[in-house]
PDB file of N, CA and C in Angstrom:
ATOM      1  N   MET A   1       7.069 -12.655  -2.404  1.00  0.00           N
ATOM      2  CA  MET A   1       6.788 -12.321  -0.985  1.00  0.00           C
ATOM      3  C   MET A   1       5.788 -11.135  -0.906  1.00  0.00           C
ATOM      4  N   PHE A   2       5.903 -10.254  -1.823  1.00  0.00           N
ATOM      5  CA  PHE A   2       4.980  -9.100  -1.821  1.00  0.00           C
ATOM      6  C   PHE A   2       4.158  -8.928  -3.092  1.00  0.00           C
ATOM      7  N   ASN A   3       2.948  -8.639  -3.069  1.00  0.00           N
ATOM      8  CA  ASN A   3       2.156  -8.429  -4.254  1.00  0.00           C
ATOM      9  C   ASN A   3       1.013  -7.518  -3.824  1.00  0.00           C
ATOM     10  N   ALA A   4       0.506  -6.760  -4.772  1.00  0.00           N
ATOM     11  CA  ALA A   4      -0.702  -5.930  -4.312  1.00  0.00           C
ATOM     12  C   ALA A   4      -1.763  -5.946  -5.393  1.00  0.00           C
ATOM     13  N   ARG A   5      -2.974  -5.999  -5.011  1.00  0.00           N
ATOM     14  CA  ARG A   5      -4.121  -5.884  -5.866  1.00  0.00           C
ATOM     15  C   ARG A   5      -4.780  -4.459  -5.569  1.00  0.00           C
ATOM     16  N   ILE A   6      -4.762  -3.682  -6.596  1.00  0.00           N
ATOM     17  CA  ILE A   6      -5.220  -2.291  -6.484  1.00  0.00           C
ATOM     18  C   ILE A   6      -6.403  -2.165  -7.349  1.00  0.00           C
ATOM     19  N   THR A   7      -7.488  -1.613  -6.747  1.00  0.00           N
ATOM     20  CA  THR A   7      -8.742  -1.389  -7.576  1.00  0.00           C
ATOM     21  C   THR A   7      -9.093   0.163  -7.519  1.00  0.00           C
ATOM     22  N   VAL A   8      -9.040   0.725  -8.769  1.00  0.00           N
ATOM     23  CA  VAL A   8      -9.264   2.118  -8.972  1.00  0.00           C
ATOM     24  C   VAL A   8     -10.335   2.193 -10.051  1.00  0.00           C
ATOM     25  N   PRO A   9     -11.375   3.040  -9.828  1.00  0.00           N
ATOM     26  CA  PRO A   9     -12.329   3.140 -11.018  1.00  0.00           C
ATOM     27  C   PRO A   9     -11.649   3.634 -12.219  1.00  0.00           C
ATOM     28  N   PRO A  10     -12.085   2.923 -13.354  1.00  0.00           N
ATOM     29  CA  PRO A  10     -11.520   3.277 -14.695  1.00  0.00           C
ATOM     30  C   PRO A  10     -11.536   4.627 -15.117  1.00  0.00           C
ATOM     31  N   GLN A  11     -12.637   5.336 -14.697  1.00  0.00           N
ATOM     32  CA  GLN A  11     -12.861   6.845 -14.992  1.00  0.00           C
ATOM     33  C   GLN A  11     -13.759   7.387 -13.953  1.00  0.00           C
ATOM     34  N   ALA A  12     -13.660   8.738 -13.889  1.00  0.00           N
ATOM     35  CA  ALA A  12     -14.501   9.525 -12.939  1.00  0.00           C
ATOM     36  C   ALA A  12     -14.665  10.896 -13.499  1.00  0.00           C
ATOM     37  N   LYS A  13     -15.711  11.595 -13.037  1.00  0.00           N
ATOM     38  CA  LYS A  13     -15.938  12.912 -13.426  1.00  0.00           C
ATOM     39  C   LYS A  13     -15.040  13.841 -12.507  1.00  0.00           C
ATOM     40  N   ALA A  14     -14.684  15.024 -13.134  1.00  0.00           N
ATOM     41  CA  ALA A  14     -13.876  15.902 -12.310  1.00  0.00           C
ATOM     42  C   ALA A  14     -14.596  16.320 -11.051  1.00  0.00           C
ATOM     43  N   GLY A  15     -13.924  16.282  -9.984  1.00  0.00           N
ATOM     44  CA  GLY A  15     -14.464  16.575  -8.709  1.00  0.00           C
ATOM     45  C   GLY A  15     -15.163  15.415  -7.923  1.00  0.00           C
ATOM     46  N   GLU A  16     -15.383  14.392  -8.573  1.00  0.00           N
ATOM     47  CA  GLU A  16     -16.075  13.242  -8.041  1.00  0.00           C
ATOM     48  C   GLU A  16     -15.115  12.549  -6.949  1.00  0.00           C
ATOM     49  N   ALA A  17     -15.654  12.032  -5.931  1.00  0.00           N
ATOM     50  CA  ALA A  17     -14.901  11.292  -4.941  1.00  0.00           C
ATOM     51  C   ALA A  17     -14.840   9.865  -5.364  1.00  0.00           C
ATOM     52  N   VAL A  18     -13.676   9.341  -5.454  1.00  0.00           N
ATOM     53  CA  VAL A  18     -13.486   7.910  -5.905  1.00  0.00           C
ATOM     54  C   VAL A  18     -13.026   7.015  -4.851  1.00  0.00           C
ATOM     55  N   GLU A  19     -13.317   5.817  -4.743  1.00  0.00           N
ATOM     56  CA  GLU A  19     -12.853   4.884  -3.715  1.00  0.00           C
ATOM     57  C   GLU A  19     -11.733   4.065  -4.338  1.00  0.00           C
ATOM     58  N   ILE A  20     -10.677   3.953  -3.609  1.00  0.00           N
ATOM     59  CA  ILE A  20      -9.482   3.215  -3.984  1.00  0.00           C
ATOM     60  C   ILE A  20      -9.278   2.015  -2.911  1.00  0.00           C
ATOM     61  N   LYS A  21      -9.193   0.822  -3.373  1.00  0.00           N
ATOM     62  CA  LYS A  21      -8.991  -0.404  -2.575  1.00  0.00           C
ATOM     63  C   LYS A  21      -7.691  -1.020  -2.947  1.00  0.00           C
ATOM     64  N   VAL A  22      -7.026  -1.362  -1.784  1.00  0.00           N
ATOM     65  CA  VAL A  22      -5.616  -2.006  -1.923  1.00  0.00           C
ATOM     66  C   VAL A  22      -5.547  -3.165  -1.078  1.00  0.00           C
ATOM     67  N   LEU A  23      -5.351  -4.376  -1.585  1.00  0.00           N
ATOM     68  CA  LEU A  23      -5.043  -5.564  -0.919  1.00  0.00           C
ATOM     69  C   LEU A  23      -3.546  -5.912  -0.992  1.00  0.00           C
ATOM     70  N   MET A  24      -2.779  -5.825   0.076  1.00  0.00           N
ATOM     71  CA  MET A  24      -1.435  -6.167   0.049  1.00  0.00           C
ATOM     72  C   MET A  24      -1.124  -7.518   0.433  1.00  0.00           C
ATOM     73  N   ARG A  25      -0.598  -8.336  -0.307  1.00  0.00           N
ATOM     74  CA  ARG A  25      -0.294  -9.755   0.017  1.00  0.00           C
ATOM     75  C   ARG A  25       1.138  -9.758   0.554  1.00  0.00           C
ATOM     76  N   HIS A  26       1.265  -9.917   1.861  1.00  0.00           N
ATOM     77  CA  HIS A  26       2.538  -9.935   2.575  1.00  0.00           C
ATOM     78  C   HIS A  26       2.227 -10.673   3.817  1.00  0.00           C
ATOM     79  N   PRO A  27       3.215 -11.535   4.294  1.00  0.00           N
ATOM     80  CA  PRO A  27       2.978 -12.249   5.509  1.00  0.00           C
ATOM     81  C   PRO A  27       3.079 -11.437   6.756  1.00  0.00           C
ATOM     82  N   MET A  28       3.666 -10.235   6.792  1.00  0.00           N
ATOM     83  CA  MET A  28       3.663  -9.341   7.931  1.00  0.00           C
ATOM     84  C   MET A  28       4.295 -10.100   9.106  1.00  0.00           C
ATOM     85  N   ASP A  29       5.452 -10.691   8.920  1.00  0.00           N
ATOM     86  CA  ASP A  29       6.090 -11.518   9.992  1.00  0.00           C
ATOM     87  C   ASP A  29       6.607 -10.644  11.117  1.00  0.00           C
ATOM     88  N   ARG A  30       5.989 -10.802  12.366  1.00  0.00           N
ATOM     89  CA  ARG A  30       6.339  -9.889  13.490  1.00  0.00           C
ATOM     90  C   ARG A  30       7.685 -10.293  14.035  1.00  0.00           C
ATOM     91  N   GLY A  31       8.315 -11.359  13.660  1.00  0.00           N
ATOM     92  CA  GLY A  31       9.642 -11.785  14.183  1.00  0.00           C
ATOM     93  C   GLY A  31       9.555 -12.265  15.628  1.00  0.00           C
ATOM     94  N   GLY A  32      10.713 -12.640  16.124  1.00  0.00           N
ATOM     95  CA  GLY A  32      10.934 -12.985  17.509  1.00  0.00           C
ATOM     96  C   GLY A  32      10.755 -14.516  17.804  1.00  0.00           C
ATOM     97  N   GLN A  33      10.323 -15.229  16.702  1.00  0.00           N
ATOM     98  CA  GLN A  33      10.273 -16.701  16.902  1.00  0.00           C
ATOM     99  C   GLN A  33      11.719 -17.273  16.700  1.00  0.00           C
ATOM    100  N   SER A  34      11.800 -18.525  17.237  1.00  0.00           N
ATOM    101  CA  SER A  34      13.055 -19.229  17.166  1.00  0.00           C
ATOM    102  C   SER A  34      13.256 -19.650  15.707  1.00  0.00           C
ATOM    103  N   ASP A  35      14.517 -19.592  15.240  1.00  0.00           N
ATOM    104  CA  ASP A  35      14.810 -19.994  13.891  1.00  0.00           C
ATOM    105  C   ASP A  35      15.235 -21.471  13.869  1.00  0.00           C
ATOM    106  N   GLY A  36      15.271 -22.093  15.030  1.00  0.00           N
ATOM    107  CA  GLY A  36      15.614 -23.484  15.089  1.00  0.00           C
ATOM    108  C   GLY A  36      17.144 -23.760  15.204  1.00  0.00           C
ATOM    109  N   LYS A  37      17.837 -22.643  15.186  1.00  0.00           N
ATOM    110  CA  LYS A  37      19.363 -22.680  15.262  1.00  0.00           C
ATOM    111  C   LYS A  37      19.925 -21.853  16.379  1.00  0.00           C
ATOM    112  N   GLY A  38      19.009 -21.582  17.347  1.00  0.00           N
ATOM    113  CA  GLY A  38      19.406 -20.790  18.475  1.00  0.00           C
ATOM    114  C   GLY A  38      19.269 -19.275  18.366  1.00  0.00           C
ATOM    115  N   GLY A  39      18.843 -18.856  17.131  1.00  0.00           N
ATOM    116  CA  GLY A  39      18.643 -17.453  16.983  1.00  0.00           C
ATOM    117  C   GLY A  39      17.098 -17.083  16.946  1.00  0.00           C
ATOM    118  N   THR A  40      16.869 -15.921  16.561  1.00  0.00           N
ATOM    119  CA  THR A  40      15.452 -15.464  16.402  1.00  0.00           C
ATOM    120  C   THR A  40      15.232 -14.891  14.924  1.00  0.00           C
ATOM    121  N   VAL A  41      14.015 -15.131  14.555  1.00  0.00           N
ATOM    122  CA  VAL A  41      13.675 -14.580  13.195  1.00  0.00           C
ATOM    123  C   VAL A  41      13.422 -13.172  13.336  1.00  0.00           C
ATOM    124  N   PRO A  42      14.031 -12.294  12.522  1.00  0.00           N
ATOM    125  CA  PRO A  42      13.852 -10.852  12.614  1.00  0.00           C
ATOM    126  C   PRO A  42      12.450 -10.472  12.090  1.00  0.00           C
ATOM    127  N   ARG A  43      12.024  -9.264  12.601  1.00  0.00           N
ATOM    128  CA  ARG A  43      10.709  -8.794  12.076  1.00  0.00           C
ATOM    129  C   ARG A  43      10.809  -8.350  10.718  1.00  0.00           C
ATOM    130  N   LYS A  44       9.807  -8.700   9.848  1.00  0.00           N
ATOM    131  CA  LYS A  44       9.841  -8.212   8.527  1.00  0.00           C
ATOM    132  C   LYS A  44       8.352  -7.938   8.179  1.00  0.00           C
ATOM    133  N   ILE A  45       8.023  -6.626   8.286  1.00  0.00           N
ATOM    134  CA  ILE A  45       6.743  -6.241   7.888  1.00  0.00           C
ATOM    135  C   ILE A  45       6.741  -5.033   6.932  1.00  0.00           C
ATOM    136  N   LEU A  46       5.614  -4.771   6.320  1.00  0.00           N
ATOM    137  CA  LEU A  46       5.552  -3.541   5.587  1.00  0.00           C
ATOM    138  C   LEU A  46       5.310  -2.437   6.651  1.00  0.00           C
ATOM    139  N   ASN A  47       6.057  -1.410   6.642  1.00  0.00           N
ATOM    140  CA  ASN A  47       5.924  -0.386   7.800  1.00  0.00           C
ATOM    141  C   ASN A  47       5.273   0.876   7.269  1.00  0.00           C
ATOM    142  N   ARG A  48       5.178   1.074   6.063  1.00  0.00           N
ATOM    143  CA  ARG A  48       4.500   2.273   5.495  1.00  0.00           C
ATOM    144  C   ARG A  48       3.920   2.072   4.108  1.00  0.00           C
ATOM    145  N   MET A  49       2.780   2.575   3.837  1.00  0.00           N
ATOM    146  CA  MET A  49       2.262   2.715   2.553  1.00  0.00           C
ATOM    147  C   MET A  49       1.937   4.123   2.246  1.00  0.00           C
ATOM    148  N   THR A  50       2.303   4.604   1.072  1.00  0.00           N
ATOM    149  CA  THR A  50       1.867   6.053   0.659  1.00  0.00           C
ATOM    150  C   THR A  50       1.208   5.900  -0.716  1.00  0.00           C
ATOM    151  N   ALA A  51       0.303   6.905  -1.023  1.00  0.00           N
ATOM    152  CA  ALA A  51      -0.209   6.984  -2.309  1.00  0.00           C
ATOM    153  C   ALA A  51      -0.064   8.363  -2.685  1.00  0.00           C
ATOM    154  N   THR A  52       0.386   8.725  -3.931  1.00  0.00           N
ATOM    155  CA  THR A  52       0.486  10.094  -4.439  1.00  0.00           C
ATOM    156  C   THR A  52      -0.339  10.226  -5.751  1.00  0.00           C
ATOM    157  N   TYR A  53      -0.935  11.295  -5.905  1.00  0.00           N
ATOM    158  CA  TYR A  53      -1.719  11.560  -7.160  1.00  0.00           C
ATOM    159  C   TYR A  53      -1.681  12.966  -7.478  1.00  0.00           C
ATOM    160  N   ALA A  54      -1.449  13.359  -8.771  1.00  0.00           N
ATOM    161  CA  ALA A  54      -1.413  14.757  -9.197  1.00  0.00           C
ATOM    162  C   ALA A  54      -0.355  15.525  -8.394  1.00  0.00           C
ATOM    163  N   GLY A  55       0.779  14.887  -8.086  1.00  0.00           N
ATOM    164  CA  GLY A  55       1.803  15.568  -7.385  1.00  0.00           C
ATOM    165  C   GLY A  55       1.687  15.768  -5.913  1.00  0.00           C
ATOM    166  N   ALA A  56       0.684  15.142  -5.355  1.00  0.00           N
ATOM    167  CA  ALA A  56       0.441  15.312  -3.857  1.00  0.00           C
ATOM    168  C   ALA A  56       0.269  13.991  -3.227  1.00  0.00           C
ATOM    169  N   GLU A  57       0.671  13.871  -1.948  1.00  0.00           N
ATOM    170  CA  GLU A  57       0.364  12.672  -1.213  1.00  0.00           C
ATOM    171  C   GLU A  57      -1.077  12.694  -0.812  1.00  0.00           C
ATOM    172  N   ILE A  58      -1.785  11.654  -1.102  1.00  0.00           N
ATOM    173  CA  ILE A  58      -3.177  11.572  -0.878  1.00  0.00           C
ATOM    174  C   ILE A  58      -3.584  10.619   0.298  1.00  0.00           C
ATOM    175  N   PHE A  59      -2.569   9.738   0.589  1.00  0.00           N
ATOM    176  CA  PHE A  59      -2.847   8.759   1.669  1.00  0.00           C
ATOM    177  C   PHE A  59      -1.523   8.236   2.234  1.00  0.00           C
ATOM    178  N   ARG A  60      -1.521   8.020   3.556  1.00  0.00           N
ATOM    179  CA  ARG A  60      -0.368   7.470   4.233  1.00  0.00           C
ATOM    180  C   ARG A  60      -0.937   6.502   5.267  1.00  0.00           C
ATOM    181  N   PHE A  61      -0.235   5.373   5.334  1.00  0.00           N
ATOM    182  CA  PHE A  61      -0.714   4.323   6.374  1.00  0.00           C
ATOM    183  C   PHE A  61       0.569   3.782   7.011  1.00  0.00           C
ATOM    184  N   ASP A  62       0.911   4.130   8.283  1.00  0.00           N
ATOM    185  CA  ASP A  62       1.888   3.477   8.949  1.00  0.00           C
ATOM    186  C   ASP A  62       1.520   2.222   9.667  1.00  0.00           C
ATOM    187  N   MET A  63       2.167   1.233   9.389  1.00  0.00           N
ATOM    188  CA  MET A  63       1.829  -0.094   9.853  1.00  0.00           C
ATOM    189  C   MET A  63       2.756  -0.602  10.964  1.00  0.00           C
ATOM    190  N   HIS A  64       2.317  -1.382  11.917  1.00  0.00           N
ATOM    191  CA  HIS A  64       3.042  -1.900  13.020  1.00  0.00           C
ATOM    192  C   HIS A  64       2.807  -3.445  13.059  1.00  0.00           C
ATOM    193  N   THR A  65       3.428  -4.094  14.068  1.00  0.00           N
ATOM    194  CA  THR A  65       3.364  -5.527  14.210  1.00  0.00           C
ATOM    195  C   THR A  65       1.891  -6.010  14.474  1.00  0.00           C
ATOM    196  N   GLY A  66       0.998  -5.097  14.904  1.00  0.00           N
ATOM    197  CA  GLY A  66      -0.328  -5.573  15.238  1.00  0.00           C
ATOM    198  C   GLY A  66      -1.219  -5.692  13.911  1.00  0.00           C
ATOM    199  N   VAL A  67      -0.685  -5.301  12.816  1.00  0.00           N
ATOM    200  CA  VAL A  67      -1.405  -5.442  11.527  1.00  0.00           C
ATOM    201  C   VAL A  67      -1.372  -6.828  11.019  1.00  0.00           C
ATOM    202  N   ALA A  68      -2.454  -7.423  10.718  1.00  0.00           N
ATOM    203  CA  ALA A  68      -2.449  -8.835  10.217  1.00  0.00           C
ATOM    204  C   ALA A  68      -1.766  -9.012   8.908  1.00  0.00           C
ATOM    205  N   ALA A  69      -1.559 -10.248   8.560  1.00  0.00           N
ATOM    206  CA  ALA A  69      -1.014 -10.568   7.208  1.00  0.00           C
ATOM    207  C   ALA A  69      -2.037 -10.187   6.188  1.00  0.00           C
ATOM    208  N   ASN A  70      -1.495  -9.834   5.007  1.00  0.00           N
ATOM    209  CA  ASN A  70      -2.320  -9.429   3.824  1.00  0.00           C
ATOM    210  C   ASN A  70      -3.276  -8.370   4.183  1.00  0.00           C
ATOM    211  N   PRO A  71      -2.837  -7.235   4.639  1.00  0.00           N
ATOM    212  CA  PRO A  71      -3.694  -6.137   4.948  1.00  0.00           C
ATOM    213  C   PRO A  71      -4.455  -5.497   3.795  1.00  0.00           C
ATOM    214  N   PHE A  72      -5.635  -4.985   4.142  1.00  0.00           N
ATOM    215  CA  PHE A  72      -6.438  -4.380   3.147  1.00  0.00           C
ATOM    216  C   PHE A  72      -6.834  -2.988   3.566  1.00  0.00           C
ATOM    217  N   VAL A  73      -6.749  -2.026   2.692  1.00  0.00           N
ATOM    218  CA  VAL A  73      -7.156  -0.657   2.992  1.00  0.00           C
ATOM    219  C   VAL A  73      -8.081  -0.089   1.901  1.00  0.00           C
ATOM    220  N   SER A  74      -8.873   0.798   2.289  1.00  0.00           N
ATOM    221  CA  SER A  74      -9.731   1.479   1.394  1.00  0.00           C
ATOM    222  C   SER A  74      -9.785   2.935   1.732  1.00  0.00           C
ATOM    223  N   PHE A  75      -9.614   3.830   0.761  1.00  0.00           N
ATOM    224  CA  PHE A  75      -9.736   5.268   1.100  1.00  0.00           C
ATOM    225  C   PHE A  75     -10.345   5.986  -0.119  1.00  0.00           C
ATOM    226  N   ARG A  76     -10.714   7.192   0.106  1.00  0.00           N
ATOM    227  CA  ARG A  76     -11.295   7.958  -0.960  1.00  0.00           C
ATOM    228  C   ARG A  76     -10.421   9.276  -1.322  1.00  0.00           C
ATOM    229  N   THR A  77     -10.492   9.566  -2.564  1.00  0.00           N
ATOM    230  CA  THR A  77      -9.823  10.773  -2.997  1.00  0.00           C
ATOM    231  C   THR A  77     -10.717  11.441  -4.027  1.00  0.00           C
ATOM    232  N   ARG A  78     -10.435  12.717  -4.273  1.00  0.00           N
ATOM    233  CA  ARG A  78     -11.224  13.401  -5.261  1.00  0.00           C
ATOM    234  C   ARG A  78     -10.456  13.417  -6.644  1.00  0.00           C
ATOM    235  N   ALA A  79     -11.241  13.061  -7.735  1.00  0.00           N
ATOM    236  CA  ALA A  79     -10.695  13.018  -9.013  1.00  0.00           C
ATOM    237  C   ALA A  79     -10.424  14.505  -9.501  1.00  0.00           C
ATOM    238  N   VAL A  80      -9.255  14.817  -9.822  1.00  0.00           N
ATOM    239  CA  VAL A  80      -8.800  16.220 -10.188  1.00  0.00           C
ATOM    240  C   VAL A  80      -8.361  16.287 -11.646  1.00  0.00           C
ATOM    241  N   GLU A  81      -7.631  15.314 -12.092  1.00  0.00           N
ATOM    242  CA  GLU A  81      -7.056  15.305 -13.450  1.00  0.00           C
ATOM    243  C   GLU A  81      -6.691  13.900 -13.849  1.00  0.00           C
ATOM    244  N   THR A  82      -6.553  13.570 -15.095  1.00  0.00           N
ATOM    245  CA  THR A  82      -6.150  12.234 -15.466  1.00  0.00           C
ATOM    246  C   THR A  82      -4.667  12.012 -15.154  1.00  0.00           C
ATOM    247  N   GLY A  83      -4.364  10.953 -14.500  1.00  0.00           N
ATOM    248  CA  GLY A  83      -2.933  10.633 -14.211  1.00  0.00           C
ATOM    249  C   GLY A  83      -2.841   9.424 -13.382  1.00  0.00           C
ATOM    250  N   ASP A  84      -1.629   9.175 -13.011  1.00  0.00           N
ATOM    251  CA  ASP A  84      -1.286   7.976 -12.307  1.00  0.00           C
ATOM    252  C   ASP A  84      -1.354   8.196 -10.811  1.00  0.00           C
ATOM    253  N   ILE A  85      -1.869   7.102 -10.127  1.00  0.00           N
ATOM    254  CA  ILE A  85      -1.716   7.150  -8.649  1.00  0.00           C
ATOM    255  C   ILE A  85      -0.654   6.251  -8.417  1.00  0.00           C
ATOM    256  N   VAL A  86       0.359   6.715  -7.766  1.00  0.00           N
ATOM    257  CA  VAL A  86       1.562   5.910  -7.405  1.00  0.00           C
ATOM    258  C   VAL A  86       1.555   5.431  -6.014  1.00  0.00           C
ATOM    259  N   PHE A  87       1.649   4.190  -5.818  1.00  0.00           N
ATOM    260  CA  PHE A  87       1.677   3.558  -4.481  1.00  0.00           C
ATOM    261  C   PHE A  87       3.062   3.063  -4.108  1.00  0.00           C
ATOM    262  N   GLU A  88       3.388   3.291  -2.891  1.00  0.00           N
ATOM    263  CA  GLU A  88       4.810   2.890  -2.518  1.00  0.00           C
ATOM    264  C   GLU A  88       4.642   2.237  -1.079  1.00  0.00           C
ATOM    265  N   TRP A  89       5.442   1.227  -0.955  1.00  0.00           N
ATOM    266  CA  TRP A  89       5.435   0.377   0.265  1.00  0.00           C
ATOM    267  C   TRP A  89       6.847   0.283   0.736  1.00  0.00           C
ATOM    268  N   ARG A  90       7.118   0.427   2.035  1.00  0.00           N
ATOM    269  CA  ARG A  90       8.471   0.379   2.582  1.00  0.00           C
ATOM    270  C   ARG A  90       8.429  -0.932   3.569  1.00  0.00           C
ATOM    271  N   GLU A  91       9.385  -1.787   3.409  1.00  0.00           N
ATOM    272  CA  GLU A  91       9.446  -2.981   4.171  1.00  0.00           C
ATOM    273  C   GLU A  91      10.581  -2.900   5.125  1.00  0.00           C
ATOM    274  N   ASP A  92      10.595  -3.500   6.259  1.00  0.00           N
ATOM    275  CA  ASP A  92      11.691  -3.684   7.199  1.00  0.00           C
ATOM    276  C   ASP A  92      12.861  -4.276   6.435  1.00  0.00           C
ATOM    277  N   GLY A  93      14.057  -3.669   6.609  1.00  0.00           N
ATOM    278  CA  GLY A  93      15.182  -4.176   5.815  1.00  0.00           C
ATOM    279  C   GLY A  93      15.494  -3.288   4.640  1.00  0.00           C
ATOM    280  N   GLY A  94      14.547  -2.337   4.402  1.00  0.00           N
ATOM    281  CA  GLY A  94      14.883  -1.363   3.262  1.00  0.00           C
ATOM    282  C   GLY A  94      14.273  -1.560   2.010  1.00  0.00           C
ATOM    283  N   ALA A  95      13.638  -2.626   1.778  1.00  0.00           N
ATOM    284  CA  ALA A  95      13.062  -2.923   0.433  1.00  0.00           C
ATOM    285  C   ALA A  95      11.825  -1.924   0.173  1.00  0.00           C
ATOM    286  N   ILE A  96      11.776  -1.443  -1.058  1.00  0.00           N
ATOM    287  CA  ILE A  96      10.723  -0.472  -1.407  1.00  0.00           C
ATOM    288  C   ILE A  96      10.047  -1.078  -2.601  1.00  0.00           C
ATOM    289  N   TYR A  97       8.677  -1.147  -2.650  1.00  0.00           N
ATOM    290  CA  TYR A  97       7.904  -1.694  -3.667  1.00  0.00           C
ATOM    291  C   TYR A  97       6.987  -0.480  -4.238  1.00  0.00           C
ATOM    292  N   THR A  98       6.766  -0.387  -5.467  1.00  0.00           N
ATOM    293  CA  THR A  98       5.951   0.634  -6.056  1.00  0.00           C
ATOM    294  C   THR A  98       5.009  -0.090  -7.136  1.00  0.00           C
ATOM    295  N   ARG A  99       3.834   0.585  -7.217  1.00  0.00           N
ATOM    296  CA  ARG A  99       2.870   0.177  -8.321  1.00  0.00           C
ATOM    297  C   ARG A  99       2.115   1.446  -8.616  1.00  0.00           C
ATOM    298  N   THR A 100       1.612   1.349  -9.912  1.00  0.00           N
ATOM    299  CA  THR A 100       0.843   2.636 -10.299  1.00  0.00           C
ATOM    300  C   THR A 100      -0.502   2.072 -10.762  1.00  0.00           C
ATOM    301  N   ALA A 101      -1.499   2.964 -10.690  1.00  0.00           N
ATOM    302  CA  ALA A 101      -2.798   2.693 -11.295  1.00  0.00           C
ATOM    303  C   ALA A 101      -3.211   4.062 -11.926  1.00  0.00           C
ATOM    304  N   ARG A 102      -3.916   3.859 -13.094  1.00  0.00           N
ATOM    305  CA  ARG A 102      -4.287   5.136 -13.897  1.00  0.00           C
ATOM    306  C   ARG A 102      -5.712   5.476 -13.585  1.00  0.00           C
ATOM    307  N   LEU A 103      -5.969   6.678 -13.317  1.00  0.00           N
ATOM    308  CA  LEU A 103      -7.271   7.339 -13.118  1.00  0.00           C
ATOM    309  C   LEU A 103      -7.567   8.222 -14.263  1.00  0.00           C
ATOM    310  N   THR A 104      -8.484   7.925 -15.070  1.00  0.00           N
ATOM    311  CA  THR A 104      -8.966   8.838 -16.113  1.00  0.00           C
ATOM    312  C   THR A 104     -10.122   9.735 -15.797  1.00  0.00           C
ATOM    313  N   VAL A 105      -9.889  11.015 -15.862  1.00  0.00           N
ATOM    314  CA  VAL A 105     -10.964  11.967 -15.519  1.00  0.00           C
ATOM    315  C   VAL A 105     -11.579  12.451 -16.759  1.00  0.00           C
ATOM    316  N   VAL A 106     -12.935  12.396 -16.788  1.00  0.00           N
ATOM    317  CA  VAL A 106     -13.682  12.807 -18.054  1.00  0.00           C
ATOM    318  C   VAL A 106     -14.415  14.124 -17.728  1.00  0.00           C
TER     319      VAL A 106
END
């Protein structure tokens, strides 16, 4: 149901601004439709994405029902040290997904 394609430059110079691209594969079901049994389908969307790097949060994206399926985001951060960029997504219902990408600073 959820998958992410993350693009991070394989290496960067210290102090260089790098672009990070994230494609989230998720249906972003806004809910409210009939389930065919007299009930309604509950909303199930990714409601937050965060990215941390070098011990600090570098990006936060709060999502609502107006965000289309398979959202794509792009943001920039400054390369400070070699390390992992940790991405976390929170989904309605409590599921949490994490992925990491390595940035090497030369």
